[in-house]
N, C-alpha and C. Protein backbone atom coordinates (compact mmCIF):
# COMPACT_ATOMS: atom_id res chain seq x y z
N MET A 1 1.50 4.77 10.64
CA MET A 1 0.22 4.61 11.31
C MET A 1 0.16 3.20 11.92
N ASP A 2 -0.40 3.11 13.09
CA ASP A 2 -0.58 1.78 13.66
C ASP A 2 -1.95 1.23 13.26
N ALA A 3 -2.25 0.01 13.65
CA ALA A 3 -3.48 -0.66 13.23
C ALA A 3 -4.72 0.13 13.64
N LYS A 4 -4.72 0.64 14.84
CA LYS A 4 -5.88 1.40 15.32
C LYS A 4 -6.08 2.67 14.50
N GLU A 5 -5.01 3.38 14.19
CA GLU A 5 -5.10 4.60 13.39
C GLU A 5 -5.61 4.30 11.98
N ILE A 6 -5.16 3.19 11.41
CA ILE A 6 -5.60 2.80 10.06
C ILE A 6 -7.10 2.52 10.07
N LYS A 7 -7.57 1.77 11.05
CA LYS A 7 -9.01 1.45 11.14
C LYS A 7 -9.83 2.72 11.33
N GLN A 8 -9.35 3.64 12.18
CA GLN A 8 -10.06 4.89 12.41
C GLN A 8 -10.10 5.75 11.14
N ALA A 9 -9.01 5.74 10.37
CA ALA A 9 -8.96 6.52 9.13
C ALA A 9 -9.95 5.96 8.11
N LEU A 10 -10.09 4.64 8.05
CA LEU A 10 -11.06 4.04 7.14
C LEU A 10 -12.48 4.43 7.53
N ILE A 11 -12.78 4.35 8.81
CA ILE A 11 -14.12 4.70 9.30
C ILE A 11 -14.41 6.18 9.07
N ALA A 12 -13.39 7.02 9.17
CA ALA A 12 -13.57 8.46 8.94
C ALA A 12 -13.97 8.74 7.49
N ILE A 13 -13.50 7.90 6.57
CA ILE A 13 -13.86 8.06 5.16
C ILE A 13 -15.32 7.65 4.95
N HIS A 14 -15.70 6.50 5.50
CA HIS A 14 -17.08 6.01 5.42
C HIS A 14 -17.26 4.97 6.53
N PRO A 15 -18.38 5.06 7.26
CA PRO A 15 -18.60 4.14 8.38
C PRO A 15 -18.57 2.66 8.01
N ASN A 16 -18.88 2.34 6.76
CA ASN A 16 -18.89 0.93 6.34
C ASN A 16 -17.61 0.49 5.64
N LEU A 17 -16.64 1.37 5.58
CA LEU A 17 -15.37 1.02 4.93
C LEU A 17 -14.50 0.25 5.93
N THR A 18 -14.30 -1.03 5.64
CA THR A 18 -13.57 -1.91 6.56
C THR A 18 -12.34 -2.50 5.89
N LEU A 19 -11.49 -3.08 6.71
CA LEU A 19 -10.32 -3.78 6.18
C LEU A 19 -10.75 -4.93 5.28
N ALA A 20 -11.81 -5.61 5.67
CA ALA A 20 -12.30 -6.75 4.88
C ALA A 20 -12.73 -6.30 3.49
N LEU A 21 -13.36 -5.14 3.40
CA LEU A 21 -13.79 -4.62 2.10
C LEU A 21 -12.59 -4.24 1.24
N VAL A 22 -11.61 -3.59 1.85
CA VAL A 22 -10.39 -3.23 1.11
C VAL A 22 -9.67 -4.49 0.64
N ALA A 23 -9.60 -5.48 1.52
CA ALA A 23 -8.95 -6.75 1.16
C ALA A 23 -9.66 -7.42 0.00
N LYS A 24 -10.98 -7.44 0.04
CA LYS A 24 -11.76 -8.06 -1.03
C LYS A 24 -11.49 -7.38 -2.36
N GLU A 25 -11.49 -6.05 -2.36
CA GLU A 25 -11.23 -5.30 -3.59
C GLU A 25 -9.80 -5.51 -4.09
N ALA A 26 -8.87 -5.73 -3.17
CA ALA A 26 -7.47 -5.95 -3.54
C ALA A 26 -7.21 -7.40 -3.96
N GLY A 27 -8.17 -8.27 -3.71
CA GLY A 27 -8.01 -9.67 -4.08
C GLY A 27 -7.16 -10.46 -3.11
N ILE A 28 -7.17 -10.04 -1.85
CA ILE A 28 -6.43 -10.77 -0.83
C ILE A 28 -7.37 -11.12 0.32
N ALA A 29 -6.96 -12.03 1.16
CA ALA A 29 -7.78 -12.45 2.30
C ALA A 29 -7.83 -11.36 3.36
N ALA A 30 -8.95 -11.28 4.06
CA ALA A 30 -9.10 -10.30 5.14
C ALA A 30 -8.06 -10.53 6.23
N THR A 31 -7.72 -11.79 6.48
CA THR A 31 -6.71 -12.08 7.50
C THR A 31 -5.34 -11.55 7.07
N THR A 32 -5.08 -11.58 5.77
CA THR A 32 -3.82 -11.02 5.26
C THR A 32 -3.76 -9.53 5.56
N MET A 33 -4.88 -8.84 5.32
CA MET A 33 -4.92 -7.40 5.58
C MET A 33 -4.74 -7.11 7.07
N SER A 34 -5.36 -7.92 7.91
CA SER A 34 -5.20 -7.75 9.35
C SER A 34 -3.75 -7.96 9.76
N ASN A 35 -3.14 -9.03 9.26
CA ASN A 35 -1.73 -9.29 9.57
C ASN A 35 -0.83 -8.18 9.04
N LEU A 36 -1.21 -7.62 7.91
CA LEU A 36 -0.44 -6.53 7.31
C LEU A 36 -0.42 -5.30 8.20
N ILE A 37 -1.59 -4.86 8.66
CA ILE A 37 -1.61 -3.63 9.47
C ILE A 37 -1.03 -3.85 10.86
N ASN A 38 -1.02 -5.10 11.31
CA ASN A 38 -0.42 -5.41 12.61
C ASN A 38 1.06 -5.77 12.50
N ARG A 39 1.60 -5.64 11.27
CA ARG A 39 3.03 -5.86 10.98
C ARG A 39 3.49 -7.29 11.27
N ARG A 40 2.59 -8.25 11.14
CA ARG A 40 2.98 -9.65 11.33
C ARG A 40 3.64 -10.22 10.09
N PHE A 41 3.22 -9.76 8.94
CA PHE A 41 3.94 -10.06 7.71
C PHE A 41 3.63 -9.00 6.67
N THR A 42 4.29 -9.07 5.52
CA THR A 42 4.18 -8.03 4.51
C THR A 42 3.40 -8.50 3.29
N SER A 43 2.75 -7.55 2.65
CA SER A 43 2.05 -7.78 1.39
C SER A 43 2.04 -6.44 0.66
N LYS A 44 2.89 -6.32 -0.35
CA LYS A 44 2.97 -5.05 -1.05
C LYS A 44 1.65 -4.73 -1.74
N ARG A 45 1.02 -5.72 -2.35
CA ARG A 45 -0.26 -5.50 -3.02
C ARG A 45 -1.30 -4.99 -2.03
N GLY A 46 -1.38 -5.62 -0.87
CA GLY A 46 -2.33 -5.20 0.15
C GLY A 46 -2.02 -3.82 0.70
N ALA A 47 -0.74 -3.55 0.92
CA ALA A 47 -0.33 -2.25 1.46
C ALA A 47 -0.66 -1.13 0.48
N LEU A 48 -0.38 -1.35 -0.80
CA LEU A 48 -0.66 -0.31 -1.79
C LEU A 48 -2.16 -0.09 -1.96
N ALA A 49 -2.96 -1.16 -1.89
CA ALA A 49 -4.41 -1.02 -1.98
C ALA A 49 -4.94 -0.23 -0.79
N LEU A 50 -4.44 -0.54 0.38
CA LEU A 50 -4.85 0.17 1.59
C LEU A 50 -4.47 1.65 1.51
N CYS A 51 -3.28 1.93 1.04
CA CYS A 51 -2.84 3.32 0.90
C CYS A 51 -3.71 4.09 -0.09
N LYS A 52 -4.09 3.44 -1.17
CA LYS A 52 -4.99 4.09 -2.13
C LYS A 52 -6.34 4.37 -1.50
N ALA A 53 -6.86 3.42 -0.73
CA ALA A 53 -8.15 3.61 -0.06
C ALA A 53 -8.10 4.77 0.92
N LEU A 54 -6.95 4.95 1.56
CA LEU A 54 -6.77 6.03 2.52
C LEU A 54 -6.33 7.35 1.87
N ALA A 55 -6.00 7.29 0.58
CA ALA A 55 -5.48 8.45 -0.15
C ALA A 55 -4.21 8.98 0.53
N LYS A 56 -3.35 8.05 0.91
CA LYS A 56 -2.07 8.39 1.54
C LYS A 56 -0.96 7.62 0.85
N THR A 57 0.26 8.09 1.03
CA THR A 57 1.41 7.39 0.46
C THR A 57 1.80 6.23 1.37
N PRO A 58 2.49 5.25 0.82
CA PRO A 58 2.97 4.15 1.67
C PRO A 58 3.89 4.66 2.79
N GLN A 59 4.63 5.71 2.54
CA GLN A 59 5.52 6.25 3.56
C GLN A 59 4.72 6.86 4.72
N GLU A 60 3.53 7.38 4.44
CA GLU A 60 2.68 7.93 5.51
C GLU A 60 2.04 6.83 6.35
N VAL A 61 1.62 5.77 5.69
CA VAL A 61 0.90 4.70 6.40
C VAL A 61 1.87 3.70 7.03
N PHE A 62 2.93 3.36 6.30
CA PHE A 62 3.88 2.36 6.76
C PHE A 62 5.31 2.91 6.72
N PRO A 63 5.62 3.94 7.51
CA PRO A 63 6.98 4.51 7.45
C PRO A 63 8.05 3.53 7.93
N ASP A 64 7.64 2.50 8.65
CA ASP A 64 8.58 1.52 9.20
C ASP A 64 8.81 0.34 8.27
N VAL A 65 8.20 0.34 7.08
CA VAL A 65 8.35 -0.78 6.14
C VAL A 65 8.85 -0.24 4.80
N PRO A 66 10.18 -0.18 4.62
CA PRO A 66 10.75 0.42 3.41
C PRO A 66 10.36 -0.27 2.11
N MET A 67 10.04 -1.57 2.15
CA MET A 67 9.71 -2.27 0.90
C MET A 67 8.42 -1.77 0.26
N TYR A 68 7.58 -1.05 1.03
CA TYR A 68 6.34 -0.52 0.47
C TYR A 68 6.54 0.80 -0.26
N ALA A 69 7.69 1.38 -0.13
CA ALA A 69 7.95 2.68 -0.77
C ALA A 69 7.80 2.55 -2.28
N VAL A 70 7.06 3.48 -2.85
CA VAL A 70 6.87 3.50 -4.30
C VAL A 70 7.95 4.36 -4.90
N PRO A 71 8.68 3.84 -5.89
CA PRO A 71 9.73 4.64 -6.49
C PRO A 71 9.17 5.89 -7.16
N VAL A 72 9.93 6.95 -7.08
CA VAL A 72 9.54 8.20 -7.73
C VAL A 72 9.87 8.10 -9.21
N GLY A 73 8.99 8.58 -10.06
CA GLY A 73 9.22 8.51 -11.49
C GLY A 73 8.26 7.54 -12.15
N SER A 74 8.28 7.53 -13.46
CA SER A 74 7.35 6.68 -14.20
C SER A 74 8.07 5.49 -14.83
N ASP A 75 7.29 4.54 -15.29
CA ASP A 75 7.85 3.39 -16.00
C ASP A 75 8.53 3.84 -17.29
N GLU A 76 7.95 4.86 -17.92
CA GLU A 76 8.52 5.36 -19.16
C GLU A 76 9.93 5.93 -18.93
N GLU A 77 10.08 6.64 -17.81
CA GLU A 77 11.41 7.17 -17.48
C GLU A 77 12.40 6.04 -17.24
N ALA A 78 11.96 5.02 -16.53
CA ALA A 78 12.82 3.88 -16.25
C ALA A 78 13.21 3.17 -17.55
N GLN A 79 12.24 3.01 -18.45
CA GLN A 79 12.52 2.36 -19.73
C GLN A 79 13.50 3.17 -20.57
N ALA A 80 13.36 4.49 -20.54
CA ALA A 80 14.27 5.36 -21.30
C ALA A 80 15.70 5.24 -20.76
N ILE A 81 15.83 5.21 -19.45
CA ILE A 81 17.16 5.07 -18.83
C ILE A 81 17.76 3.72 -19.21
N LEU A 82 16.96 2.67 -19.10
CA LEU A 82 17.45 1.33 -19.43
C LEU A 82 17.85 1.23 -20.90
N LYS A 83 17.05 1.77 -21.78
CA LYS A 83 17.36 1.74 -23.21
C LYS A 83 18.66 2.47 -23.50
N GLU A 84 18.83 3.63 -22.85
CA GLU A 84 20.06 4.41 -23.04
C GLU A 84 21.28 3.64 -22.55
N ARG A 85 21.16 3.01 -21.41
CA ARG A 85 22.32 2.29 -20.83
C ARG A 85 22.63 1.02 -21.61
N LEU A 86 21.64 0.36 -22.13
CA LEU A 86 21.88 -0.86 -22.88
C LEU A 86 22.42 -0.60 -24.28
N SER A 87 22.15 0.58 -24.80
CA SER A 87 22.66 0.89 -26.14
C SER A 87 24.09 1.42 -26.12
N ALA A 88 24.59 1.74 -24.95
CA ALA A 88 25.96 2.29 -24.85
C ALA A 88 27.01 1.22 -24.97
């Protein structure tokens, strides 16, 4: 999604839902959120907060930014794999 599509998707959810509000809830500056959607720099925390607000995956919102991809699986699965490999 580009910046315009992201803003339109937020407004479609609620007319008062803005990037500034999402940024505030995520604990980042509004300018950071603006730079994020315009692809000027990256912020995984901001990207994931925005994706949650939109109820979309990072791959849907930011398909061009691989670092935002959320790994499939749980922390428990990862811990089990690590424990198994370290005990061998």
